[in-house]
Structures are given as structure tokens and as C-alpha cells.
Amino acid sequence: MTDMPTLAATLRATSEMLKTVRNMVVQSGHLHEMLDIDTLVNVAQIEAERRAVIMEVTSSRR
């Protein structure tokens, strides 16, 4: 069986990718036109980070 990353690690990686997407939107100069998309990506980034923290806290209590 291969070593799979933990769910927390996957969520952290997802959060970092979403951060990269947000930076690309800002650097493109189209933030105003893409504000709705940027907002949704930001919410997803925050939620991924929040869940990663929950997973880490939960696993450290075991």
C-alpha cells in the first residue's frame, strides 16, 4: 500500500493551491471583473485551512 498524505496535509496543499489561484487573479489585473470568483476561491481557501486545523487538533488528541 502506498503512503497517502493525511487529510490535513491534503487540505493544507489545497489551501496553498487556492492561494496561488487568488494571487494569479490579482496579478492578472482583472480582480474587479473576477471579484465573485476571487471571493468564492477565498472562501474555499479559508474552509480548507479551517478543516486542516480541526483535523490536526483532532488527531493530536488521540
N, C-alpha and C. Protein backbone atom coordinates (compact mmCIF):
# COMPACT_ATOMS: atom_id res chain seq x y z
N MET A 1 0.84 -1.18 0.00
CA MET A 1 0.00 0.00 0.00
C MET A 1 0.89 1.25 0.00
N THR A 2 0.54 2.24 -0.80
CA THR A 2 1.34 3.46 -0.88
C THR A 2 1.06 4.36 0.32
N ASP A 3 2.04 5.18 0.64
CA ASP A 3 1.85 6.14 1.72
C ASP A 3 1.04 7.32 1.20
N MET A 4 -0.18 7.40 1.65
CA MET A 4 -1.04 8.51 1.25
C MET A 4 -0.90 9.64 2.25
N PRO A 5 -0.98 10.88 1.78
CA PRO A 5 -0.92 12.01 2.72
C PRO A 5 -2.16 12.00 3.60
N THR A 6 -2.03 12.58 4.76
CA THR A 6 -3.19 12.69 5.64
C THR A 6 -4.20 13.66 5.03
N LEU A 7 -5.40 13.60 5.55
CA LEU A 7 -6.43 14.53 5.08
C LEU A 7 -6.01 15.97 5.40
N ALA A 8 -5.43 16.17 6.57
CA ALA A 8 -4.97 17.51 6.94
C ALA A 8 -3.92 18.01 5.96
N ALA A 9 -2.99 17.15 5.57
CA ALA A 9 -1.95 17.54 4.61
C ALA A 9 -2.56 17.87 3.25
N THR A 10 -3.54 17.10 2.84
CA THR A 10 -4.22 17.35 1.57
C THR A 10 -4.97 18.68 1.62
N LEU A 11 -5.61 18.95 2.75
CA LEU A 11 -6.32 20.23 2.90
C LEU A 11 -5.35 21.40 2.90
N ARG A 12 -4.21 21.24 3.54
CA ARG A 12 -3.19 22.32 3.54
C ARG A 12 -2.68 22.56 2.12
N ALA A 13 -2.43 21.49 1.38
CA ALA A 13 -1.96 21.63 -0.01
C ALA A 13 -3.03 22.31 -0.86
N THR A 14 -4.28 21.94 -0.64
CA THR A 14 -5.39 22.56 -1.36
C THR A 14 -5.46 24.05 -1.06
N SER A 15 -5.31 24.40 0.21
CA SER A 15 -5.32 25.80 0.61
C SER A 15 -4.20 26.58 -0.08
N GLU A 16 -3.03 25.99 -0.16
CA GLU A 16 -1.90 26.66 -0.83
C GLU A 16 -2.17 26.84 -2.32
N MET A 17 -2.78 25.83 -2.96
CA MET A 17 -3.11 25.96 -4.38
C MET A 17 -4.14 27.07 -4.60
N LEU A 18 -5.12 27.14 -3.73
CA LEU A 18 -6.14 28.19 -3.84
C LEU A 18 -5.52 29.57 -3.62
N LYS A 19 -4.56 29.65 -2.74
CA LYS A 19 -3.85 30.92 -2.52
C LYS A 19 -3.13 31.33 -3.81
N THR A 20 -2.53 30.37 -4.48
CA THR A 20 -1.85 30.63 -5.75
C THR A 20 -2.85 31.13 -6.80
N VAL A 21 -4.01 30.51 -6.85
CA VAL A 21 -5.05 30.94 -7.80
C VAL A 21 -5.45 32.38 -7.51
N ARG A 22 -5.64 32.72 -6.24
CA ARG A 22 -6.01 34.09 -5.89
C ARG A 22 -4.92 35.08 -6.30
N ASN A 23 -3.67 34.72 -6.09
CA ASN A 23 -2.57 35.60 -6.49
C ASN A 23 -2.55 35.80 -8.00
N MET A 24 -2.85 34.73 -8.76
CA MET A 24 -2.89 34.84 -10.22
C MET A 24 -3.97 35.81 -10.66
N VAL A 25 -5.13 35.75 -9.99
CA VAL A 25 -6.23 36.66 -10.33
C VAL A 25 -5.81 38.10 -10.09
N VAL A 26 -5.20 38.36 -8.94
CA VAL A 26 -4.77 39.72 -8.61
C VAL A 26 -3.73 40.20 -9.62
N GLN A 27 -2.74 39.36 -9.92
CA GLN A 27 -1.66 39.75 -10.82
C GLN A 27 -2.13 39.92 -12.26
N SER A 28 -3.26 39.30 -12.61
CA SER A 28 -3.76 39.42 -13.98
C SER A 28 -4.32 40.81 -14.26
N GLY A 29 -4.62 41.54 -13.19
CA GLY A 29 -5.21 42.86 -13.37
C GLY A 29 -6.71 42.82 -13.60
N HIS A 30 -7.31 41.65 -13.43
CA HIS A 30 -8.74 41.50 -13.67
C HIS A 30 -9.52 41.23 -12.39
N LEU A 31 -8.98 41.68 -11.27
CA LEU A 31 -9.64 41.41 -9.99
C LEU A 31 -11.07 41.94 -9.97
N HIS A 32 -11.26 43.15 -10.46
CA HIS A 32 -12.61 43.74 -10.44
C HIS A 32 -13.60 42.87 -11.22
N GLU A 33 -13.19 42.42 -12.40
CA GLU A 33 -14.06 41.60 -13.24
C GLU A 33 -14.26 40.21 -12.66
N MET A 34 -13.31 39.75 -11.85
CA MET A 34 -13.36 38.39 -11.31
C MET A 34 -13.62 38.39 -9.81
N LEU A 35 -14.18 39.46 -9.29
CA LEU A 35 -14.37 39.59 -7.84
C LEU A 35 -15.20 38.44 -7.26
N ASP A 36 -16.28 38.05 -7.95
CA ASP A 36 -17.11 36.96 -7.45
C ASP A 36 -16.32 35.65 -7.37
N ILE A 37 -15.54 35.38 -8.39
CA ILE A 37 -14.73 34.16 -8.40
C ILE A 37 -13.66 34.23 -7.31
N ASP A 38 -13.01 35.37 -7.19
CA ASP A 38 -11.99 35.53 -6.16
C ASP A 38 -12.59 35.33 -4.77
N THR A 39 -13.78 35.85 -4.56
CA THR A 39 -14.44 35.69 -3.27
C THR A 39 -14.72 34.22 -2.98
N LEU A 40 -15.22 33.50 -3.95
CA LEU A 40 -15.50 32.07 -3.76
C LEU A 40 -14.22 31.27 -3.51
N VAL A 41 -13.17 31.59 -4.23
CA VAL A 41 -11.89 30.91 -4.02
C VAL A 41 -11.37 31.21 -2.62
N ASN A 42 -11.54 32.45 -2.17
CA ASN A 42 -11.11 32.82 -0.82
C ASN A 42 -11.88 32.02 0.23
N VAL A 43 -13.18 31.89 0.06
CA VAL A 43 -13.98 31.10 1.00
C VAL A 43 -13.49 29.65 1.02
N ALA A 44 -13.23 29.09 -0.15
CA ALA A 44 -12.73 27.72 -0.22
C ALA A 44 -11.38 27.59 0.47
N GLN A 45 -10.52 28.57 0.27
CA GLN A 45 -9.19 28.56 0.90
C GLN A 45 -9.32 28.59 2.42
N ILE A 46 -10.15 29.47 2.93
CA ILE A 46 -10.35 29.58 4.37
C ILE A 46 -10.94 28.29 4.94
N GLU A 47 -11.90 27.72 4.25
CA GLU A 47 -12.53 26.48 4.72
C GLU A 47 -11.54 25.32 4.71
N ALA A 48 -10.71 25.22 3.70
CA ALA A 48 -9.70 24.15 3.66
C ALA A 48 -8.73 24.29 4.83
N GLU A 49 -8.31 25.50 5.11
CA GLU A 49 -7.39 25.75 6.23
C GLU A 49 -8.07 25.44 7.56
N ARG A 50 -9.32 25.86 7.69
CA ARG A 50 -10.07 25.61 8.93
C ARG A 50 -10.20 24.11 9.20
N ARG A 51 -10.56 23.38 8.17
CA ARG A 51 -10.72 21.93 8.33
C ARG A 51 -9.39 21.24 8.61
N ALA A 52 -8.31 21.74 8.02
CA ALA A 52 -6.99 21.17 8.29
C ALA A 52 -6.64 21.33 9.76
N VAL A 53 -6.91 22.50 10.29
CA VAL A 53 -6.64 22.75 11.72
C VAL A 53 -7.47 21.81 12.58
N ILE A 54 -8.73 21.66 12.26
CA ILE A 54 -9.60 20.75 13.02
C ILE A 54 -9.05 19.33 12.97
N MET A 55 -8.64 18.88 11.79
CA MET A 55 -8.10 17.52 11.64
C MET A 55 -6.84 17.35 12.48
N GLU A 56 -5.98 18.34 12.47
CA GLU A 56 -4.73 18.25 13.23
C GLU A 56 -5.00 18.24 14.73
N VAL A 57 -5.91 19.07 15.17
CA VAL A 57 -6.25 19.11 16.60
C VAL A 57 -6.88 17.79 17.02
N THR A 58 -7.79 17.28 16.20
CA THR A 58 -8.46 16.02 16.50
C THR A 58 -7.46 14.87 16.56
N SER A 59 -6.54 14.82 15.60
CA SER A 59 -5.57 13.71 15.59
C SER A 59 -4.56 13.82 16.72
N SER A 60 -4.27 15.02 17.17
CA SER A 60 -3.30 15.18 18.27
C SER A 60 -3.91 14.80 19.62
N ARG A 61 -5.21 14.76 19.69
CA ARG A 61 -5.90 14.39 20.94
C ARG A 61 -6.04 12.89 21.10
N ARG A 62 -5.75 12.15 20.07
CA ARG A 62 -5.92 10.69 20.13
C ARG A 62 -4.80 10.04 20.86
